[in-house]
C-alpha atoms as a PDB file:
ATOM      1  CA  MET A   1      17.829  24.380   8.072  1.00  0.00           C
ATOM      2  CA  VAL A   2      19.654  22.143  10.518  1.00  0.00           C
ATOM      3  CA  ILE A   3      23.405  22.322  10.059  1.00  0.00           C
ATOM      4  CA  LYS A   4      26.008  19.907  11.316  1.00  0.00           C
ATOM      5  CA  GLU A   5      29.696  20.736  11.659  1.00  0.00           C
ATOM      6  CA  ALA A   6      31.920  18.252   9.843  1.00  0.00           C
ATOM      7  CA  TRP A   7      35.658  18.210   9.244  1.00  0.00           C
ATOM      8  CA  GLN A   8      37.414  18.234   5.911  1.00  0.00           C
ATOM      9  CA  SER A   9      41.087  18.299   4.933  1.00  0.00           C
ATOM     10  CA  ASP A  10      42.168  21.193   2.701  1.00  0.00           C
ATOM     11  CA  VAL A  11      44.958  21.213   0.133  1.00  0.00           C
ATOM     12  CA  LEU A  12      47.563  21.998   2.827  1.00  0.00           C
ATOM     13  CA  GLY A  13      46.693  18.912   4.797  1.00  0.00           C
ATOM     14  CA  GLU A  14      45.035  20.863   7.573  1.00  0.00           C
ATOM     15  CA  GLU A  15      41.575  20.000   8.847  1.00  0.00           C
ATOM     16  CA  ARG A  16      38.969  22.714   8.935  1.00  0.00           C
ATOM     17  CA  PRO A  17      35.284  22.701   9.946  1.00  0.00           C
ATOM     18  CA  VAL A  18      32.721  22.532   7.162  1.00  0.00           C
ATOM     19  CA  LEU A  19      29.021  23.236   7.538  1.00  0.00           C
ATOM     20  CA  VAL A  20      26.986  20.425   5.991  1.00  0.00           C
ATOM     21  CA  PRO A  21      23.288  21.055   5.174  1.00  0.00           C
ATOM     22  CA  ALA A  22      20.762  18.720   6.771  1.00  0.00           C
ATOM     23  CA  ILE A  23      19.580  17.727   3.296  1.00  0.00           C
ATOM     24  CA  GLU A  24      22.948  16.199   2.446  1.00  0.00           C
ATOM     25  CA  LEU A  25      23.149  14.450   5.807  1.00  0.00           C
ATOM     26  CA  ILE A  26      19.732  12.864   5.397  1.00  0.00           C
ATOM     27  CA  LEU A  27      20.417  11.646   1.893  1.00  0.00           C
ATOM     28  CA  SER A  28      23.844  10.340   2.874  1.00  0.00           C
ATOM     29  CA  GLY A  29      22.241   8.161   5.522  1.00  0.00           C
ATOM     30  CA  ASP A  30      23.819   9.680   8.646  1.00  0.00           C
ATOM     31  CA  GLN A  31      21.811   7.531  11.063  1.00  0.00           C
ATOM     32  CA  PRO A  32      21.522   9.856  14.112  1.00  0.00           C
ATOM     33  CA  ILE A  33      20.497  12.792  11.930  1.00  0.00           C
ATOM     34  CA  VAL A  34      18.001  10.666  10.002  1.00  0.00           C
ATOM     35  CA  GLU A  35      16.455   9.396  13.239  1.00  0.00           C
ATOM     36  CA  TRP A  36      16.208  12.944  14.561  1.00  0.00           C
ATOM     37  CA  HIS A  37      14.444  14.151  11.428  1.00  0.00           C
ATOM     38  CA  LEU A  38      12.067  11.181  11.365  1.00  0.00           C
ATOM     39  CA  GLN A  39      11.145  11.727  15.001  1.00  0.00           C
ATOM     40  CA  ARG A  40      10.472  15.408  14.285  1.00  0.00           C
ATOM     41  CA  ALA A  41       8.458  14.434  11.210  1.00  0.00           C
ATOM     42  CA  LEU A  42       6.162  12.359  13.401  1.00  0.00           C
ATOM     43  CA  GLU A  43       5.880  15.089  16.022  1.00  0.00           C
ATOM     44  CA  ARG A  44       5.383  17.964  13.562  1.00  0.00           C
ATOM     45  CA  ASP A  45       2.794  16.386  11.273  1.00  0.00           C
ATOM     46  CA  GLN A  46       5.159  16.096   8.319  1.00  0.00           C
ATOM     47  CA  LEU A  47       3.951  12.549   7.709  1.00  0.00           C
ATOM     48  CA  ALA A  48       0.799  12.011   5.684  1.00  0.00           C
ATOM     49  CA  ILE A  49      -1.212   9.197   4.201  1.00  0.00           C
ATOM     50  CA  ARG A  50      -2.179   8.850   0.573  1.00  0.00           C
ATOM     51  CA  TYR A  51      -5.064   6.535  -0.258  1.00  0.00           C
ATOM     52  CA  GLN A  52      -4.982   4.327  -3.355  1.00  0.00           C
ATOM     53  CA  PRO A  53      -8.382   2.879  -4.314  1.00  0.00           C
ATOM     54  CA  LYS A  54      -9.025  -0.763  -5.147  1.00  0.00           C
ATOM     55  CA  MET A  55     -11.773  -1.822  -7.525  1.00  0.00           C
ATOM     56  CA  ALA A  56     -13.918  -4.952  -7.448  1.00  0.00           C
ATOM     57  CA  VAL A  57     -13.519  -6.468 -10.907  1.00  0.00           C
ATOM     58  CA  SER A  58     -16.942  -8.102 -11.103  1.00  0.00           C
ATOM     59  CA  SER A  59     -18.918  -4.925 -10.366  1.00  0.00           C
ATOM     60  CA  GLY A  60     -16.546  -2.053 -11.048  1.00  0.00           C
ATOM     61  CA  THR A  61     -17.256  -0.576  -7.618  1.00  0.00           C
ATOM     62  CA  LEU A  62     -14.705   0.931  -5.272  1.00  0.00           C
ATOM     63  CA  SER A  63     -14.041  -1.873  -2.793  1.00  0.00           C
ATOM     64  CA  GLY A  64     -11.359  -0.426  -0.523  1.00  0.00           C
ATOM     65  CA  VAL A  65      -8.229   1.671  -0.199  1.00  0.00           C
ATOM     66  CA  GLU A  66      -4.610   1.087   0.700  1.00  0.00           C
ATOM     67  CA  ALA A  67      -3.031   3.581   3.108  1.00  0.00           C
ATOM     68  CA  LEU A  68       0.400   4.625   1.815  1.00  0.00           C
ATOM     69  CA  LEU A  69       2.844   6.573   3.972  1.00  0.00           C
ATOM     70  CA  ARG A  70       4.402   9.794   2.672  1.00  0.00           C
ATOM     71  CA  TRP A  71       6.909  12.233   4.200  1.00  0.00           C
ATOM     72  CA  SER A  72       6.762  15.890   3.205  1.00  0.00           C
ATOM     73  CA  HIS A  73       9.987  17.477   4.500  1.00  0.00           C
ATOM     74  CA  PRO A  74      10.090  21.314   4.672  1.00  0.00           C
ATOM     75  CA  GLU A  75      13.460  21.363   2.876  1.00  0.00           C
ATOM     76  CA  LEU A  76      13.592  18.094   0.967  1.00  0.00           C
ATOM     77  CA  GLY A  77      10.022  18.182  -0.254  1.00  0.00           C
ATOM     78  CA  GLU A  78       8.454  14.780  -0.820  1.00  0.00           C
ATOM     79  CA  VAL A  79      10.843  12.090   0.456  1.00  0.00           C
ATOM     80  CA  ALA A  80      10.318   8.728  -1.261  1.00  0.00           C
ATOM     81  CA  PRO A  81       9.221   5.876   1.041  1.00  0.00           C
ATOM     82  CA  ALA A  82      12.026   3.756  -0.402  1.00  0.00           C
ATOM     83  CA  THR A  83      14.452   6.296   1.083  1.00  0.00           C
ATOM     84  CA  PHE A  84      13.121   6.718   4.606  1.00  0.00           C
ATOM     85  CA  VAL A  85      11.181   3.540   5.434  1.00  0.00           C
ATOM     86  CA  PRO A  86      14.286   1.280   5.547  1.00  0.00           C
ATOM     87  CA  LEU A  87      15.980   3.843   7.805  1.00  0.00           C
ATOM     88  CA  ALA A  88      12.931   3.939  10.067  1.00  0.00           C
ATOM     89  CA  GLU A  89      12.936   0.140  10.134  1.00  0.00           C
ATOM     90  CA  GLU A  90      16.606   0.008  11.082  1.00  0.00           C
ATOM     91  CA  SER A  91      16.231   2.590  13.843  1.00  0.00           C
ATOM     92  CA  GLY A  92      13.069   1.080  15.278  1.00  0.00           C
ATOM     93  CA  LEU A  93      11.037   4.245  14.671  1.00  0.00           C
ATOM     94  CA  ILE A  94       8.908   2.275  12.226  1.00  0.00           C
ATOM     95  CA  VAL A  95       6.992   0.862  15.204  1.00  0.00           C
ATOM     96  CA  SER A  96       5.737   4.253  16.388  1.00  0.00           C
ATOM     97  CA  ILE A  97       5.286   5.467  12.798  1.00  0.00           C
ATOM     98  CA  GLY A  98       3.347   2.315  11.932  1.00  0.00           C
ATOM     99  CA  ARG A  99       1.154   2.795  14.995  1.00  0.00           C
ATOM    100  CA  TRP A 100       0.395   6.340  13.796  1.00  0.00           C
ATOM    101  CA  VAL A 101      -0.492   5.114  10.285  1.00  0.00           C
ATOM    102  CA  LEU A 102      -2.817   2.461  11.692  1.00  0.00           C
ATOM    103  CA  GLN A 103      -4.552   4.927  14.016  1.00  0.00           C
ATOM    104  CA  THR A 104      -4.867   7.624  11.353  1.00  0.00           C
ATOM    105  CA  ALA A 105      -6.157   5.337   8.593  1.00  0.00           C
ATOM    106  CA  CYS A 106      -8.766   3.666  10.802  1.00  0.00           C
ATOM    107  CA  ALA A 107      -9.933   6.983  12.285  1.00  0.00           C
ATOM    108  CA  GLN A 108     -10.265   8.480   8.798  1.00  0.00           C
ATOM    109  CA  ASN A 109     -12.246   5.508   7.544  1.00  0.00           C
ATOM    110  CA  MET A 110     -14.745   5.976  10.371  1.00  0.00           C
ATOM    111  CA  ALA A 111     -14.835   9.738   9.786  1.00  0.00           C
ATOM    112  CA  TRP A 112     -15.906   9.073   6.188  1.00  0.00           C
ATOM    113  CA  GLN A 113     -18.680   6.784   7.404  1.00  0.00           C
ATOM    114  CA  GLU A 114     -19.866   9.400   9.892  1.00  0.00           C
ATOM    115  CA  ARG A 115     -20.257  11.767   6.926  1.00  0.00           C
ATOM    116  CA  GLY A 116     -22.593   9.303   5.258  1.00  0.00           C
ATOM    117  CA  LEU A 117     -20.084   7.624   2.953  1.00  0.00           C
ATOM    118  CA  PRO A 118     -20.229   3.848   2.476  1.00  0.00           C
ATOM    119  CA  PRO A 119     -18.061   1.513   4.574  1.00  0.00           C
ATOM    120  CA  ILE A 120     -14.904   0.405   2.771  1.00  0.00           C
ATOM    121  CA  SER A 121     -11.919  -1.679   3.779  1.00  0.00           C
ATOM    122  CA  VAL A 122      -8.608   0.003   4.530  1.00  0.00           C
ATOM    123  CA  ALA A 123      -5.309  -1.829   4.055  1.00  0.00           C
ATOM    124  CA  VAL A 124      -2.247  -0.931   6.133  1.00  0.00           C
ATOM    125  CA  ASN A 125       1.252  -2.299   5.569  1.00  0.00           C
ATOM    126  CA  LEU A 126       3.130  -3.992   8.403  1.00  0.00           C
ATOM    127  CA  SER A 127       6.925  -3.884   8.481  1.00  0.00           C
ATOM    128  CA  PRO A 128       9.135  -6.782   9.675  1.00  0.00           C
ATOM    129  CA  ARG A 129       9.950  -4.871  12.870  1.00  0.00           C
ATOM    130  CA  GLN A 130       6.267  -4.336  13.601  1.00  0.00           C
ATOM    131  CA  LEU A 131       5.455  -8.009  13.073  1.00  0.00           C
ATOM    132  CA  LEU A 132       8.050  -8.889  15.718  1.00  0.00           C
ATOM    133  CA  ASP A 133       6.897  -6.189  18.143  1.00  0.00           C
ATOM    134  CA  ALA A 134       5.461  -7.696  21.323  1.00  0.00           C
ATOM    135  CA  HIS A 135       2.831  -4.959  21.564  1.00  0.00           C
ATOM    136  CA  LEU A 136       1.480  -5.255  18.010  1.00  0.00           C
ATOM    137  CA  ILE A 137      -1.757  -7.051  18.870  1.00  0.00           C
ATOM    138  CA  ASP A 138      -2.362  -4.730  21.838  1.00  0.00           C
ATOM    139  CA  ASP A 139      -1.846  -1.758  19.519  1.00  0.00           C
ATOM    140  CA  ILE A 140      -4.366  -3.163  17.016  1.00  0.00           C
ATOM    141  CA  ASP A 141      -6.907  -3.759  19.790  1.00  0.00           C
ATOM    142  CA  ALA A 142      -6.403  -0.223  21.108  1.00  0.00           C
ATOM    143  CA  VAL A 143      -6.886   1.350  17.672  1.00  0.00           C
ATOM    144  CA  LEU A 144     -10.046  -0.642  16.934  1.00  0.00           C
ATOM    145  CA  ARG A 145     -11.483   0.335  20.321  1.00  0.00           C
ATOM    146  CA  ALA A 146     -10.546   4.004  19.988  1.00  0.00           C
ATOM    147  CA  THR A 147     -11.903   4.364  16.444  1.00  0.00           C
ATOM    148  CA  ALA A 148     -14.842   1.931  16.778  1.00  0.00           C
ATOM    149  CA  MET A 149     -13.969   0.610  13.316  1.00  0.00           C
ATOM    150  CA  PRO A 150     -15.287  -2.921  12.666  1.00  0.00           C
ATOM    151  CA  ALA A 151     -12.325  -5.299  12.553  1.00  0.00           C
ATOM    152  CA  HIS A 152     -13.383  -6.833   9.239  1.00  0.00           C
ATOM    153  CA  LEU A 153     -12.773  -3.486   7.508  1.00  0.00           C
ATOM    154  CA  LEU A 154      -9.070  -3.585   8.426  1.00  0.00           C
ATOM    155  CA  GLU A 155      -6.553  -5.423   6.251  1.00  0.00           C
ATOM    156  CA  LEU A 156      -2.933  -5.796   7.332  1.00  0.00           C
ATOM    157  CA  GLU A 157      -0.418  -6.456   4.548  1.00  0.00           C
ATOM    158  CA  ILE A 158       2.809  -8.395   5.000  1.00  0.00           C
ATOM    159  CA  THR A 159       5.381  -9.511   2.444  1.00  0.00           C
ATOM    160  CA  GLU A 160       6.456 -13.060   1.667  1.00  0.00           C
ATOM    161  CA  GLY A 161       9.942 -12.354   2.984  1.00  0.00           C
ATOM    162  CA  MET A 162       8.544 -11.506   6.408  1.00  0.00           C
ATOM    163  CA  MET A 163       6.772 -14.866   6.576  1.00  0.00           C
ATOM    164  CA  ILE A 164       9.597 -17.164   5.621  1.00  0.00           C
ATOM    165  CA  GLN A 165      12.066 -15.729   8.160  1.00  0.00           C
ATOM    166  CA  ASP A 166      10.220 -17.527  10.962  1.00  0.00           C
ATOM    167  CA  VAL A 167       7.048 -19.244   9.789  1.00  0.00           C
ATOM    168  CA  ASP A 168       6.025 -20.476  13.245  1.00  0.00           C
ATOM    169  CA  GLN A 169       6.318 -17.061  14.883  1.00  0.00           C
ATOM    170  CA  ALA A 170       4.645 -15.306  11.957  1.00  0.00           C
ATOM    171  CA  SER A 171       1.811 -17.812  12.036  1.00  0.00           C
ATOM    172  CA  ALA A 172       1.257 -17.326  15.776  1.00  0.00           C
ATOM    173  CA  VAL A 173       1.138 -13.537  15.481  1.00  0.00           C
ATOM    174  CA  LEU A 174      -1.072 -13.569  12.398  1.00  0.00           C
ATOM    175  CA  CYS A 175      -3.489 -16.057  13.984  1.00  0.00           C
ATOM    176  CA  GLY A 176      -3.780 -13.718  16.954  1.00  0.00           C
ATOM    177  CA  ILE A 177      -4.522 -10.791  14.659  1.00  0.00           C
ATOM    178  CA  ARG A 178      -6.985 -12.757  12.559  1.00  0.00           C
ATOM    179  CA  SER A 179      -8.858 -13.935  15.662  1.00  0.00           C
ATOM    180  CA  ARG A 180      -9.924 -10.299  16.092  1.00  0.00           C
ATOM    181  CA  GLY A 181     -11.629 -10.371  12.704  1.00  0.00           C
ATOM    182  CA  VAL A 182      -8.845  -8.448  10.946  1.00  0.00           C
ATOM    183  CA  ARG A 183      -7.944  -9.757   7.490  1.00  0.00           C
ATOM    184  CA  ILE A 184      -4.393 -10.705   6.488  1.00  0.00           C
ATOM    185  CA  ALA A 185      -2.953 -10.019   3.031  1.00  0.00           C
ATOM    186  CA  ILE A 186       0.284 -11.193   1.425  1.00  0.00           C
ATOM    187  CA  ASP A 187       1.745  -8.300  -0.537  1.00  0.00           C
ATOM    188  CA  ASP A 188       3.959  -8.592  -3.651  1.00  0.00           C
ATOM    189  CA  PHE A 189       3.125 -12.282  -3.970  1.00  0.00           C
ATOM    190  CA  GLY A 190       5.435 -14.239  -6.247  1.00  0.00           C
ATOM    191  CA  THR A 191       8.623 -12.325  -5.476  1.00  0.00           C
ATOM    192  CA  GLY A 192       9.578 -13.639  -2.026  1.00  0.00           C
ATOM    193  CA  TYR A 193      10.531 -17.234  -2.860  1.00  0.00           C
ATOM    194  CA  SER A 194       8.234 -18.624  -0.181  1.00  0.00           C
ATOM    195  CA  SER A 195       7.287 -22.289  -0.331  1.00  0.00           C
ATOM    196  CA  LEU A 196       3.725 -23.480  -0.717  1.00  0.00           C
ATOM    197  CA  ALA A 197       4.213 -25.461   2.499  1.00  0.00           C
ATOM    198  CA  ALA A 198       4.880 -22.216   4.374  1.00  0.00           C
ATOM    199  CA  ILE A 199       1.875 -20.494   2.822  1.00  0.00           C
ATOM    200  CA  LYS A 200      -0.338 -23.430   3.794  1.00  0.00           C
ATOM    201  CA  GLN A 201       0.516 -22.848   7.474  1.00  0.00           C
ATOM    202  CA  LEU A 202      -0.412 -19.179   7.500  1.00  0.00           C
ATOM    203  CA  PRO A 203      -3.854 -17.606   8.001  1.00  0.00           C
ATOM    204  CA  ILE A 204      -4.227 -15.764   4.700  1.00  0.00           C
ATOM    205  CA  ASP A 205      -7.326 -13.923   3.504  1.00  0.00           C
ATOM    206  CA  ILE A 206      -5.935 -11.970   0.547  1.00  0.00           C
ATOM    207  CA  ILE A 207      -3.163 -12.581  -1.994  1.00  0.00           C
ATOM    208  CA  LYS A 208      -1.830  -9.533  -3.861  1.00  0.00           C
ATOM    209  CA  ILE A 209      -0.171 -10.417  -7.161  1.00  0.00           C
ATOM    210  CA  ASP A 210       3.037  -8.463  -7.662  1.00  0.00           C
ATOM    211  CA  ARG A 211       3.013  -5.865 -10.434  1.00  0.00           C
ATOM    212  CA  SER A 212       5.941  -7.606 -12.165  1.00  0.00           C
ATOM    213  CA  PHE A 213       3.511 -10.341 -13.293  1.00  0.00           C
ATOM    214  CA  VAL A 214       0.870  -7.822 -14.364  1.00  0.00           C
ATOM    215  CA  ARG A 215       3.089  -5.498 -16.428  1.00  0.00           C
ATOM    216  CA  ASP A 216       3.156  -7.682 -19.571  1.00  0.00           C
ATOM    217  CA  LEU A 217      -0.010  -9.614 -18.806  1.00  0.00           C
ATOM    218  CA  ALA A 218      -1.776  -8.610 -22.013  1.00  0.00           C
ATOM    219  CA  CYS A 219       1.027  -9.816 -24.272  1.00  0.00           C
ATOM    220  CA  SER A 220       2.841 -12.562 -22.343  1.00  0.00           C
ATOM    221  CA  ALA A 221       1.379 -16.064 -22.265  1.00  0.00           C
ATOM    222  CA  ARG A 222       3.855 -16.964 -19.536  1.00  0.00           C
ATOM    223  CA  ASP A 223       2.743 -14.120 -17.244  1.00  0.00           C
ATOM    224  CA  ARG A 224      -0.894 -14.931 -17.898  1.00  0.00           C
ATOM    225  CA  ALA A 225      -0.291 -18.565 -16.929  1.00  0.00           C
ATOM    226  CA  ILE A 226       1.385 -17.480 -13.680  1.00  0.00           C
ATOM    227  CA  VAL A 227      -1.397 -15.036 -12.817  1.00  0.00           C
ATOM    228  CA  SER A 228      -4.047 -17.636 -13.641  1.00  0.00           C
ATOM    229  CA  ALA A 229      -2.316 -20.173 -11.391  1.00  0.00           C
ATOM    230  CA  ILE A 230      -2.124 -17.689  -8.488  1.00  0.00           C
ATOM    231  CA  ILE A 231      -5.821 -16.878  -8.842  1.00  0.00           C
ATOM    232  CA  ARG A 232      -6.750 -20.580  -8.858  1.00  0.00           C
ATOM    233  CA  MET A 233      -4.527 -21.194  -5.828  1.00  0.00           C
ATOM    234  CA  GLY A 234      -6.113 -18.285  -3.987  1.00  0.00           C
ATOM    235  CA  ARG A 235      -9.565 -19.622  -4.722  1.00  0.00           C
ATOM    236  CA  ALA A 236      -8.577 -23.074  -3.455  1.00  0.00           C
ATOM    237  CA  LEU A 237      -7.234 -21.524  -0.236  1.00  0.00           C
ATOM    238  CA  GLY A 238     -10.358 -19.418   0.228  1.00  0.00           C
ATOM    239  CA  ALA A 239      -8.388 -16.205  -0.305  1.00  0.00           C
ATOM    240  CA  ALA A 240      -9.367 -13.199  -2.396  1.00  0.00           C
ATOM    241  CA  VAL A 241      -6.865 -12.169  -5.074  1.00  0.00           C
ATOM    242  CA  VAL A 242      -5.851  -8.584  -5.861  1.00  0.00           C
ATOM    243  CA  ALA A 243      -3.736  -7.622  -8.892  1.00  0.00           C
ATOM    244  CA  GLU A 244      -1.372  -4.683  -8.316  1.00  0.00           C
ATOM    245  CA  GLY A 245       0.030  -2.309 -10.909  1.00  0.00           C
ATOM    246  CA  VAL A 246      -2.904  -2.396 -13.341  1.00  0.00           C
ATOM    247  CA  GLU A 247      -2.275   0.403 -15.826  1.00  0.00           C
ATOM    248  CA  CYS A 248      -4.232  -0.345 -18.981  1.00  0.00           C
ATOM    249  CA  VAL A 249      -7.525  -1.720 -20.203  1.00  0.00           C
ATOM    250  CA  GLU A 250      -5.931  -4.801 -21.750  1.00  0.00           C
ATOM    251  CA  GLN A 251      -4.556  -5.919 -18.386  1.00  0.00           C
ATOM    252  CA  LEU A 252      -7.928  -5.354 -16.734  1.00  0.00           C
ATOM    253  CA  GLN A 253      -9.702  -7.374 -19.410  1.00  0.00           C
ATOM    254  CA  VAL A 254      -7.382 -10.359 -18.896  1.00  0.00           C
ATOM    255  CA  LEU A 255      -7.834 -10.177 -15.137  1.00  0.00           C
ATOM    256  CA  ARG A 256     -11.597 -10.137 -15.560  1.00  0.00           C
ATOM    257  CA  GLU A 257     -11.411 -13.192 -17.815  1.00  0.00           C
ATOM    258  CA  GLU A 258      -9.310 -14.967 -15.183  1.00  0.00           C
ATOM    259  CA  ALA A 259     -11.846 -14.029 -12.452  1.00  0.00           C
ATOM    260  CA  CYS A 260      -9.483 -11.913 -10.364  1.00  0.00           C
ATOM    261  CA  ASP A 261     -11.350 -10.383  -7.421  1.00  0.00           C
ATOM    262  CA  GLU A 262      -9.882  -6.864  -7.194  1.00  0.00           C
ATOM    263  CA  VAL A 263      -7.440  -4.609  -9.008  1.00  0.00           C
ATOM    264  CA  GLN A 264      -5.290  -1.693  -7.962  1.00  0.00           C
ATOM    265  CA  GLY A 265      -3.132   0.609 -10.026  1.00  0.00           C
ATOM    266  CA  PHE A 266      -2.921   3.800 -12.059  1.00  0.00           C
ATOM    267  CA  LEU A 267      -5.737   2.721 -14.393  1.00  0.00           C
ATOM    268  CA  ILE A 268      -8.076   2.999 -11.423  1.00  0.00           C
ATOM    269  CA  SER A 269      -6.317   5.849  -9.623  1.00  0.00           C
ATOM    270  CA  ARG A 270      -3.006   7.115  -8.391  1.00  0.00           C
ATOM    271  CA  PRO A 271      -2.623   7.440  -4.598  1.00  0.00           C
ATOM    272  CA  LEU A 272      -4.890  10.308  -3.566  1.00  0.00           C
ATOM    273  CA  SER A 273      -4.744  12.984  -0.925  1.00  0.00           C
ATOM    274  CA  LEU A 274      -7.325  12.920   1.838  1.00  0.00           C
ATOM    275  CA  VAL A 275      -9.404  15.589   0.089  1.00  0.00           C
ATOM    276  CA  ASP A 276      -9.330  13.883  -3.317  1.00  0.00           C
ATOM    277  CA  MET A 277     -10.131  10.499  -1.788  1.00  0.00           C
ATOM    278  CA  GLU A 278     -13.241  11.900  -0.141  1.00  0.00           C
ATOM    279  CA  ILE A 279     -14.298  13.473  -3.445  1.00  0.00           C
ATOM    280  CA  MET A 280     -13.957  10.093  -5.130  1.00  0.00           C
ATOM    281  CA  LEU A 281     -15.986   8.377  -2.411  1.00  0.00           C
ATOM    282  CA  ARG A 282     -18.764  10.948  -2.785  1.00  0.00           C
ATOM    283  CA  MET A 283     -18.821  10.796  -6.587  1.00  0.00           C
ATOM    284  CA  TYR A 284     -18.668   7.068  -7.084  1.00  0.00           C
ATOM    285  CA  ARG A 285     -20.313   5.439  -4.092  1.00  0.00           C
ATOM    286  CA  GLY A 286     -22.296   2.413  -5.131  1.00  0.00           C
ATOM    287  CA  ALA A 287     -21.840   3.203  -8.826  1.00  0.00           C
ATOM    288  CA  LEU A 288     -19.673   1.713 -11.526  1.00  0.00           C
ATOM    289  CA  PHE A 289     -16.229   3.228 -11.509  1.00  0.00           C
ATOM    290  CA  PRO A 290     -16.155   5.769 -14.374  1.00  0.00           C
ATOM    291  CA  LYS A 291     -12.427   5.842 -14.986  1.00  0.00           C
ATOM    292  CA  ALA A 292     -10.205   7.216 -17.696  1.00  0.00           C
ATOM    293  CA  VAL A 293      -8.706   4.443 -19.773  1.00  0.00           C
ATOM    294  CA  GLY A 294      -5.861   4.257 -22.239  1.00  0.00           C
ATOM    295  CA  PRO A 295      -2.796   2.347 -23.396  1.00  0.00           C
ATOM    296  CA  CYS A 296      -0.127   1.068 -21.051  1.00  0.00           C
ATOM    297  CA  ARG A 297       2.758   3.350 -20.203  1.00  0.00           C
ATOM    298  CA  SER A 298       5.090   0.790 -21.773  1.00  0.00           C
ATOM    299  CA  PHE A 299       3.499   1.734 -25.105  1.00  0.00           C
ATOM    300  CA  GLY A 300       4.637   5.328 -24.630  1.00  0.00           C
ATOM    301  CA  ALA A 301       1.523   6.981 -23.254  1.00  0.00           C
ATOM    302  CA  ARG A 302       1.150   8.381 -19.775  1.00  0.00           C
ATOM    303  CA  SER A 303      -1.126   6.330 -17.567  1.00  0.00           C
ATOM    304  CA  PRO A 304      -4.446   8.009 -16.902  1.00  0.00           C
ATOM    305  CA  SER A 305      -5.239   9.051 -13.365  1.00  0.00           C
ATOM    306  CA  TYR A 306      -8.197  10.338 -11.449  1.00  0.00           C
ATOM    307  CA  ALA A 307      -6.517  13.725 -11.182  1.00  0.00           C
ATOM    308  CA  ASP A 308      -6.129  14.023 -14.941  1.00  0.00           C
ATOM    309  CA  GLY A 309      -9.600  15.382 -15.492  1.00  0.00           C
ATOM    310  CA  PRO A 310     -13.090  14.181 -16.379  1.00  0.00           C
ATOM    311  CA  ALA A 311     -13.619  10.452 -16.405  1.00  0.00           C
ATOM    312  CA  THR A 312     -14.759   8.568 -19.459  1.00  0.00           C
ATOM    313  CA  PRO A 313     -18.478   7.950 -19.891  1.00  0.00           C
ATOM    314  CA  HIS A 314     -20.157   5.558 -17.521  1.00  0.00           C
ATOM    315  CA  SER A 315     -20.843   3.150 -20.378  1.00  0.00           C
ATOM    316  CA  GLU A 316     -17.136   2.807 -21.175  1.00  0.00           C
ATOM    317  CA  MET A 317     -16.229   1.339 -17.783  1.00  0.00           C
ATOM    318  CA  THR A 318     -19.386  -0.765 -17.877  1.00  0.00           C
ATOM    319  CA  ARG A 319     -18.128  -2.235 -21.131  1.00  0.00           C
ATOM    320  CA  ILE A 320     -14.755  -3.051 -19.566  1.00  0.00           C
ATOM    321  CA  VAL A 321     -15.834  -4.545 -16.241  1.00  0.00           C
ATOM    322  CA  GLY A 322     -19.373  -5.648 -17.072  1.00  0.00           C
ATOM    323  CA  SER A 323     -22.603  -4.589 -15.420  1.00  0.00           C
ATOM    324  CA  PRO A 324     -23.317  -5.294 -11.735  1.00  0.00           C
ATOM    325  CA  SER A 325     -25.826  -7.928 -12.765  1.00  0.00           C
ATOM    326  CA  ASN A 326     -23.235  -9.961 -14.707  1.00  0.00           C
END
């Protein structure tokens, strides 16, 4: 355990040294200590990627995965991304960490293909600092060359907030990325207060509907109207639409009725380890997604997950998403 000497006043008004555990320093946001630990995490393989599957609604097949960063600290255990990613962004370490995620996710995707598994798309999140980095496009080119992954299998996700800070600059960078054949996705759509004029200027291939509009989709006419409008807009722009945070059959049924392209969420699978993701690819390649189904968590039941045990019969998911010939 890394210890830092701090100073604390005692009851007599005298200052005395106090040993502060690294855990407390990290959680308190002591920037130099946080940066040191993040740098060591990158160097010592404490960072890992979890893969969350996406499902094509029309066929029920596994259509791709999103690469999600995780930090497993030897003392803290699993550190939530919401805790360390903003600190990495502020320090600038997010650029090197993001480069590692991109390299690792693309290399793993090709490793799966070399083992005879079907090609799938892999989505990687870009941070605001990365989008502004002058070497971003060079880094993408280098990764695609090193891994030999076809560019069309890579999706880079940005948020609305990143776009509206400087639409012209964002558009120039994204056009450069898209010219390589890489697809661009807007993540958490509907929460960033971006204007339709700004969206019209940007090269967008995929729109991801924020989970806040999906949560009450089965029982809220207002949310359904919003989701339906986003799907129609995406279709008019030539963009595929992905619904995030799908947790129950009722939500999936509405999304199928509204002709949403893909879904992602705990109903399909939680984020999986590398080993579990490969098992899923081997079990379900080219077949309908046999997935446990059940009520939404908001109704008091725990969301089903791939790790929970045997999936429901093949016919059950066929009933939900339709047959491939539909």
